[in-house]
Amino acid sequence: MSNSKSRGKIKKEKGAHISHNSGDNEWYTPKEYVEAARKTMGTIDTDPASSEIANKTVLAKRYYTKEDNGLTKKWKRNVWLNPPYAQPLITEFSDALVNKIKSGEIKQAVVLVNNATETKWFQKILEICSAICLVRRRIKFLKPEGKEGAPLQGQAILYFGPNTIEFNKQFAKFGSTAWKINS
């Protein structure tokens, strides 16, 4: 951080707001986003980065907690993923997602992440997604006690699968959507 003078006093300039990240990974997705994912995919079969509290909203047929370590488990069919955003977990979950899609283990996925477009992990998942929603407002995630949390940056929702028209229908209300046209 650099210093600047203000009225004879030295004050520190604030760093980028993201540098103040608490590293807390317990943020739960509001119901309207999960329901849009369910309508896009038909079902949510697996949530590999979840908790008992989060699954009360997600209603995945199978979910893995921090203690289960979803990175070491099978992810079946239609996946909802709001991964932990701290490093190295965000990269590890992104790599697992890509590998499981390429292997055919996952049929469809909806992934909610920070819109960190400059990162390698984001570029890696963006490269293989079918569609994306750039959410127009920061999502007000829920803390375990039910209070809304204040996110430090905006979010993106990526879709992997054939139902791009339904994804657009469900997610356009949250922000701008786009999908790939295969050549």
C-alpha atoms as a PDB file:
ATOM      1  CA  MET A   1       0.000   0.000   0.000  1.00  0.00           C
ATOM      2  CA  SER A   2       1.185   3.495  -0.673  1.00  0.00           C
ATOM      3  CA  ASN A   3       0.944   6.463   1.622  1.00  0.00           C
ATOM      4  CA  SER A   4      -0.557   9.863   0.804  1.00  0.00           C
ATOM      5  CA  LYS A   5      -0.673  13.118   2.765  1.00  0.00           C
ATOM      6  CA  SER A   6      -4.015  14.580   3.712  1.00  0.00           C
ATOM      7  CA  ARG A   7      -4.212  17.830   5.732  1.00  0.00           C
ATOM      8  CA  GLY A   8      -0.764  17.277   7.147  1.00  0.00           C
ATOM      9  CA  LYS A   9      -1.472  13.736   8.291  1.00  0.00           C
ATOM     10  CA  ILE A  10      -0.240  10.583   6.648  1.00  0.00           C
ATOM     11  CA  LYS A  11      -2.924   8.062   5.898  1.00  0.00           C
ATOM     12  CA  LYS A  12      -2.729   4.678   4.232  1.00  0.00           C
ATOM     13  CA  GLU A  13      -4.666   4.241   1.014  1.00  0.00           C
ATOM     14  CA  LYS A  14      -7.002   1.303   0.981  1.00  0.00           C
ATOM     15  CA  GLY A  15      -6.078  -1.670  -1.131  1.00  0.00           C
ATOM     16  CA  ALA A  16      -8.474  -3.301  -3.552  1.00  0.00           C
ATOM     17  CA  HIS A  17     -11.650  -4.320  -1.767  1.00  0.00           C
ATOM     18  CA  ILE A  18     -11.037  -7.980  -2.604  1.00  0.00           C
ATOM     19  CA  SER A  19      -7.833  -7.856  -0.552  1.00  0.00           C
ATOM     20  CA  HIS A  20     -10.042  -7.564   2.535  1.00  0.00           C
ATOM     21  CA  ASN A  21     -11.590 -10.993   1.950  1.00  0.00           C
ATOM     22  CA  SER A  22     -12.131 -12.774   5.257  1.00  0.00           C
ATOM     23  CA  GLY A  23     -11.525 -16.218   3.763  1.00  0.00           C
ATOM     24  CA  ASP A  24     -14.857 -17.352   5.241  1.00  0.00           C
ATOM     25  CA  ASN A  25     -16.355 -19.998   2.937  1.00  0.00           C
ATOM     26  CA  GLU A  26     -19.726 -20.403   4.675  1.00  0.00           C
ATOM     27  CA  TRP A  27     -21.924 -18.350   2.350  1.00  0.00           C
ATOM     28  CA  TYR A  28     -25.193 -19.897   1.148  1.00  0.00           C
ATOM     29  CA  THR A  29     -26.926 -19.159  -2.124  1.00  0.00           C
ATOM     30  CA  PRO A  30     -30.367 -17.520  -2.036  1.00  0.00           C
ATOM     31  CA  LYS A  31     -33.197 -19.789  -3.151  1.00  0.00           C
ATOM     32  CA  GLU A  32     -34.072 -17.961  -6.394  1.00  0.00           C
ATOM     33  CA  TYR A  33     -30.704 -18.809  -7.982  1.00  0.00           C
ATOM     34  CA  VAL A  34     -30.875 -22.459  -6.959  1.00  0.00           C
ATOM     35  CA  GLU A  35     -34.438 -22.744  -8.280  1.00  0.00           C
ATOM     36  CA  ALA A  36     -33.348 -21.257 -11.633  1.00  0.00           C
ATOM     37  CA  ALA A  37     -30.594 -23.902 -11.803  1.00  0.00           C
ATOM     38  CA  ARG A  38     -33.082 -26.670 -10.989  1.00  0.00           C
ATOM     39  CA  LYS A  39     -35.459 -25.458 -13.723  1.00  0.00           C
ATOM     40  CA  THR A  40     -32.564 -25.339 -16.201  1.00  0.00           C
ATOM     41  CA  MET A  41     -31.288 -28.849 -15.454  1.00  0.00           C
ATOM     42  CA  GLY A  42     -34.513 -30.555 -14.308  1.00  0.00           C
ATOM     43  CA  THR A  43     -32.918 -31.851 -11.081  1.00  0.00           C
ATOM     44  CA  ILE A  44     -29.941 -31.244  -8.845  1.00  0.00           C
ATOM     45  CA  ASP A  45     -28.364 -34.613  -8.283  1.00  0.00           C
ATOM     46  CA  THR A  46     -25.083 -33.580  -6.651  1.00  0.00           C
ATOM     47  CA  ASP A  47     -23.725 -30.622  -4.698  1.00  0.00           C
ATOM     48  CA  PRO A  48     -20.049 -31.371  -4.073  1.00  0.00           C
ATOM     49  CA  ALA A  49     -19.324 -28.317  -1.871  1.00  0.00           C
ATOM     50  CA  SER A  50     -22.204 -28.108   0.544  1.00  0.00           C
ATOM     51  CA  SER A  51     -23.405 -28.479   4.107  1.00  0.00           C
ATOM     52  CA  GLU A  52     -26.529 -29.673   5.863  1.00  0.00           C
ATOM     53  CA  ILE A  53     -27.738 -26.061   6.125  1.00  0.00           C
ATOM     54  CA  ALA A  54     -27.067 -25.273   2.450  1.00  0.00           C
ATOM     55  CA  ASN A  55     -28.812 -28.434   1.283  1.00  0.00           C
ATOM     56  CA  LYS A  56     -32.055 -27.253   2.892  1.00  0.00           C
ATOM     57  CA  THR A  57     -32.191 -24.847  -0.066  1.00  0.00           C
ATOM     58  CA  VAL A  58     -30.318 -26.814  -2.736  1.00  0.00           C
ATOM     59  CA  LEU A  59     -32.152 -30.090  -2.088  1.00  0.00           C
ATOM     60  CA  ALA A  60     -29.490 -32.120  -3.892  1.00  0.00           C
ATOM     61  CA  LYS A  61     -30.041 -35.866  -3.922  1.00  0.00           C
ATOM     62  CA  ARG A  62     -26.405 -36.230  -2.830  1.00  0.00           C
ATOM     63  CA  TYR A  63     -24.275 -33.550  -1.203  1.00  0.00           C
ATOM     64  CA  TYR A  64     -20.802 -33.503   0.256  1.00  0.00           C
ATOM     65  CA  THR A  65     -19.693 -31.437   3.223  1.00  0.00           C
ATOM     66  CA  LYS A  66     -16.267 -30.061   4.027  1.00  0.00           C
ATOM     67  CA  GLU A  67     -15.670 -33.167   6.129  1.00  0.00           C
ATOM     68  CA  ASP A  68     -16.669 -35.463   3.228  1.00  0.00           C
ATOM     69  CA  ASN A  69     -14.276 -33.657   0.852  1.00  0.00           C
ATOM     70  CA  GLY A  70     -16.333 -33.572  -2.330  1.00  0.00           C
ATOM     71  CA  LEU A  71     -13.141 -33.309  -4.360  1.00  0.00           C
ATOM     72  CA  THR A  72     -12.528 -37.013  -3.685  1.00  0.00           C
ATOM     73  CA  LYS A  73     -16.071 -38.176  -4.526  1.00  0.00           C
ATOM     74  CA  LYS A  74     -18.108 -38.989  -7.630  1.00  0.00           C
ATOM     75  CA  TRP A  75     -20.297 -36.153  -8.893  1.00  0.00           C
ATOM     76  CA  LYS A  76     -23.371 -37.606 -10.583  1.00  0.00           C
ATOM     77  CA  ARG A  77     -25.443 -36.280 -13.467  1.00  0.00           C
ATOM     78  CA  ASN A  78     -26.696 -32.713 -12.753  1.00  0.00           C
ATOM     79  CA  VAL A  79     -24.447 -30.677 -10.477  1.00  0.00           C
ATOM     80  CA  TRP A  80     -24.989 -27.468  -8.536  1.00  0.00           C
ATOM     81  CA  LEU A  81     -21.685 -25.937  -7.438  1.00  0.00           C
ATOM     82  CA  ASN A  82     -21.114 -22.862  -5.303  1.00  0.00           C
ATOM     83  CA  PRO A  83     -17.514 -23.704  -4.409  1.00  0.00           C
ATOM     84  CA  PRO A  84     -15.457 -22.207  -1.600  1.00  0.00           C
ATOM     85  CA  TYR A  85     -13.911 -19.045  -3.058  1.00  0.00           C
ATOM     86  CA  ALA A  86     -10.648 -19.159  -1.073  1.00  0.00           C
ATOM     87  CA  GLN A  87      -7.480 -20.506  -2.684  1.00  0.00           C
ATOM     88  CA  PRO A  88      -6.490 -23.212  -3.335  1.00  0.00           C
ATOM     89  CA  LEU A  89     -10.060 -24.612  -3.086  1.00  0.00           C
ATOM     90  CA  ILE A  90     -11.578 -22.540  -5.898  1.00  0.00           C
ATOM     91  CA  THR A  91      -8.896 -23.769  -8.294  1.00  0.00           C
ATOM     92  CA  GLU A  92      -9.234 -27.372  -7.075  1.00  0.00           C
ATOM     93  CA  PHE A  93     -13.029 -27.380  -7.501  1.00  0.00           C
ATOM     94  CA  SER A  94     -12.738 -25.712 -10.924  1.00  0.00           C
ATOM     95  CA  ASP A  95     -10.196 -28.309 -12.066  1.00  0.00           C
ATOM     96  CA  ALA A  96     -12.399 -31.141 -10.755  1.00  0.00           C
ATOM     97  CA  LEU A  97     -15.420 -29.715 -12.566  1.00  0.00           C
ATOM     98  CA  VAL A  98     -13.566 -29.516 -15.876  1.00  0.00           C
ATOM     99  CA  ASN A  99     -12.191 -33.054 -15.524  1.00  0.00           C
ATOM    100  CA  LYS A 100     -15.577 -34.512 -14.563  1.00  0.00           C
ATOM    101  CA  ILE A 101     -17.345 -32.797 -17.457  1.00  0.00           C
ATOM    102  CA  LYS A 102     -14.727 -33.970 -19.943  1.00  0.00           C
ATOM    103  CA  SER A 103     -14.937 -37.550 -18.604  1.00  0.00           C
ATOM    104  CA  GLY A 104     -18.740 -37.604 -18.894  1.00  0.00           C
ATOM    105  CA  GLU A 105     -19.277 -38.054 -15.142  1.00  0.00           C
ATOM    106  CA  ILE A 106     -21.338 -34.837 -15.168  1.00  0.00           C
ATOM    107  CA  LYS A 107     -24.186 -34.349 -17.644  1.00  0.00           C
ATOM    108  CA  GLN A 108     -25.007 -30.734 -16.694  1.00  0.00           C
ATOM    109  CA  ALA A 109     -23.753 -28.225 -14.152  1.00  0.00           C
ATOM    110  CA  VAL A 110     -24.607 -24.763 -12.915  1.00  0.00           C
ATOM    111  CA  VAL A 111     -21.688 -23.076 -11.171  1.00  0.00           C
ATOM    112  CA  LEU A 112     -21.811 -19.859  -9.150  1.00  0.00           C
ATOM    113  CA  VAL A 113     -18.463 -18.101  -8.682  1.00  0.00           C
ATOM    114  CA  ASN A 114     -16.968 -14.641  -8.309  1.00  0.00           C
ATOM    115  CA  ASN A 115     -16.559 -12.937 -11.668  1.00  0.00           C
ATOM    116  CA  ALA A 116     -12.787 -13.223 -11.468  1.00  0.00           C
ATOM    117  CA  THR A 117     -12.322 -13.179 -15.232  1.00  0.00           C
ATOM    118  CA  GLU A 118      -8.590 -12.488 -14.961  1.00  0.00           C
ATOM    119  CA  THR A 119      -7.818 -15.730 -13.124  1.00  0.00           C
ATOM    120  CA  LYS A 120      -6.630 -18.997 -14.654  1.00  0.00           C
ATOM    121  CA  TRP A 121      -9.331 -21.034 -12.913  1.00  0.00           C
ATOM    122  CA  PHE A 122     -12.097 -18.776 -14.278  1.00  0.00           C
ATOM    123  CA  GLN A 123     -10.697 -18.850 -17.806  1.00  0.00           C
ATOM    124  CA  LYS A 124     -10.480 -22.649 -17.612  1.00  0.00           C
ATOM    125  CA  ILE A 125     -14.179 -23.092 -16.765  1.00  0.00           C
ATOM    126  CA  LEU A 126     -15.259 -20.296 -19.107  1.00  0.00           C
ATOM    127  CA  GLU A 127     -13.529 -22.071 -21.979  1.00  0.00           C
ATOM    128  CA  ILE A 128     -15.782 -25.143 -21.703  1.00  0.00           C
ATOM    129  CA  CYS A 129     -19.058 -23.647 -20.453  1.00  0.00           C
ATOM    130  CA  SER A 130     -22.123 -23.546 -22.688  1.00  0.00           C
ATOM    131  CA  ALA A 131     -23.581 -20.297 -21.325  1.00  0.00           C
ATOM    132  CA  ILE A 132     -22.925 -17.589 -18.746  1.00  0.00           C
ATOM    133  CA  CYS A 133     -24.891 -15.038 -16.740  1.00  0.00           C
ATOM    134  CA  LEU A 134     -23.059 -11.941 -15.563  1.00  0.00           C
ATOM    135  CA  VAL A 135     -25.124 -11.077 -12.518  1.00  0.00           C
ATOM    136  CA  ARG A 136     -26.054  -7.378 -12.499  1.00  0.00           C
ATOM    137  CA  ARG A 137     -25.939  -6.974  -8.713  1.00  0.00           C
ATOM    138  CA  ARG A 138     -23.828  -8.591  -6.047  1.00  0.00           C
ATOM    139  CA  ILE A 139     -25.684 -11.594  -4.724  1.00  0.00           C
ATOM    140  CA  LYS A 140     -26.701 -11.234  -1.096  1.00  0.00           C
ATOM    141  CA  PHE A 141     -25.522 -14.595   0.173  1.00  0.00           C
ATOM    142  CA  LEU A 142     -26.763 -15.945   3.473  1.00  0.00           C
ATOM    143  CA  LYS A 143     -24.616 -16.698   6.494  1.00  0.00           C
ATOM    144  CA  PRO A 144     -25.307 -19.851   8.578  1.00  0.00           C
ATOM    145  CA  GLU A 145     -27.365 -17.839  11.071  1.00  0.00           C
ATOM    146  CA  GLY A 146     -29.577 -16.548   8.204  1.00  0.00           C
ATOM    147  CA  LYS A 147     -28.223 -12.993   7.930  1.00  0.00           C
ATOM    148  CA  GLU A 148     -27.328 -11.600   4.528  1.00  0.00           C
ATOM    149  CA  GLY A 149     -23.629 -11.266   3.797  1.00  0.00           C
ATOM    150  CA  ALA A 150     -21.942  -8.490   1.888  1.00  0.00           C
ATOM    151  CA  PRO A 151     -19.922  -9.939  -1.005  1.00  0.00           C
ATOM    152  CA  LEU A 152     -16.726  -8.199  -2.026  1.00  0.00           C
ATOM    153  CA  GLN A 153     -17.219  -8.494  -5.779  1.00  0.00           C
ATOM    154  CA  GLY A 154     -19.776  -9.465  -8.380  1.00  0.00           C
ATOM    155  CA  GLN A 155     -20.657 -12.982  -9.437  1.00  0.00           C
ATOM    156  CA  ALA A 156     -21.007 -15.034 -12.597  1.00  0.00           C
ATOM    157  CA  ILE A 157     -23.135 -18.114 -13.126  1.00  0.00           C
ATOM    158  CA  LEU A 158     -21.856 -20.598 -15.685  1.00  0.00           C
ATOM    159  CA  TYR A 159     -23.834 -23.389 -17.299  1.00  0.00           C
ATOM    160  CA  PHE A 160     -22.445 -26.601 -18.747  1.00  0.00           C
ATOM    161  CA  GLY A 161     -24.873 -28.643 -20.830  1.00  0.00           C
ATOM    162  CA  PRO A 162     -27.303 -28.616 -23.770  1.00  0.00           C
ATOM    163  CA  ASN A 163     -30.149 -26.510 -22.278  1.00  0.00           C
ATOM    164  CA  THR A 164     -28.782 -23.062 -23.114  1.00  0.00           C
ATOM    165  CA  ILE A 165     -32.192 -21.680 -24.113  1.00  0.00           C
ATOM    166  CA  GLU A 166     -33.679 -22.705 -20.757  1.00  0.00           C
ATOM    167  CA  PHE A 167     -30.620 -21.306 -18.960  1.00  0.00           C
ATOM    168  CA  ASN A 168     -31.188 -17.971 -20.709  1.00  0.00           C
ATOM    169  CA  LYS A 169     -34.883 -18.039 -19.813  1.00  0.00           C
ATOM    170  CA  GLN A 170     -34.160 -18.754 -16.139  1.00  0.00           C
ATOM    171  CA  PHE A 171     -31.110 -16.529 -15.587  1.00  0.00           C
ATOM    172  CA  ALA A 172     -31.766 -13.457 -17.782  1.00  0.00           C
ATOM    173  CA  LYS A 173     -33.726 -11.951 -14.876  1.00  0.00           C
ATOM    174  CA  PHE A 174     -30.480 -11.838 -12.849  1.00  0.00           C
ATOM    175  CA  GLY A 175     -28.216 -10.258 -15.481  1.00  0.00           C
ATOM    176  CA  SER A 176     -26.904 -10.428 -19.014  1.00  0.00           C
ATOM    177  CA  THR A 177     -26.627 -13.901 -20.490  1.00  0.00           C
ATOM    178  CA  ALA A 178     -24.674 -15.258 -23.421  1.00  0.00           C
ATOM    179  CA  TRP A 179     -24.079 -18.694 -24.839  1.00  0.00           C
ATOM    180  CA  LYS A 180     -21.624 -20.251 -27.221  1.00  0.00           C
ATOM    181  CA  ILE A 181     -22.459 -21.126 -30.769  1.00  0.00           C
ATOM    182  CA  ASN A 182     -20.462 -24.193 -31.725  1.00  0.00           C
ATOM    183  CA  SER A 183     -18.838 -24.039 -35.134  1.00  0.00           C
END
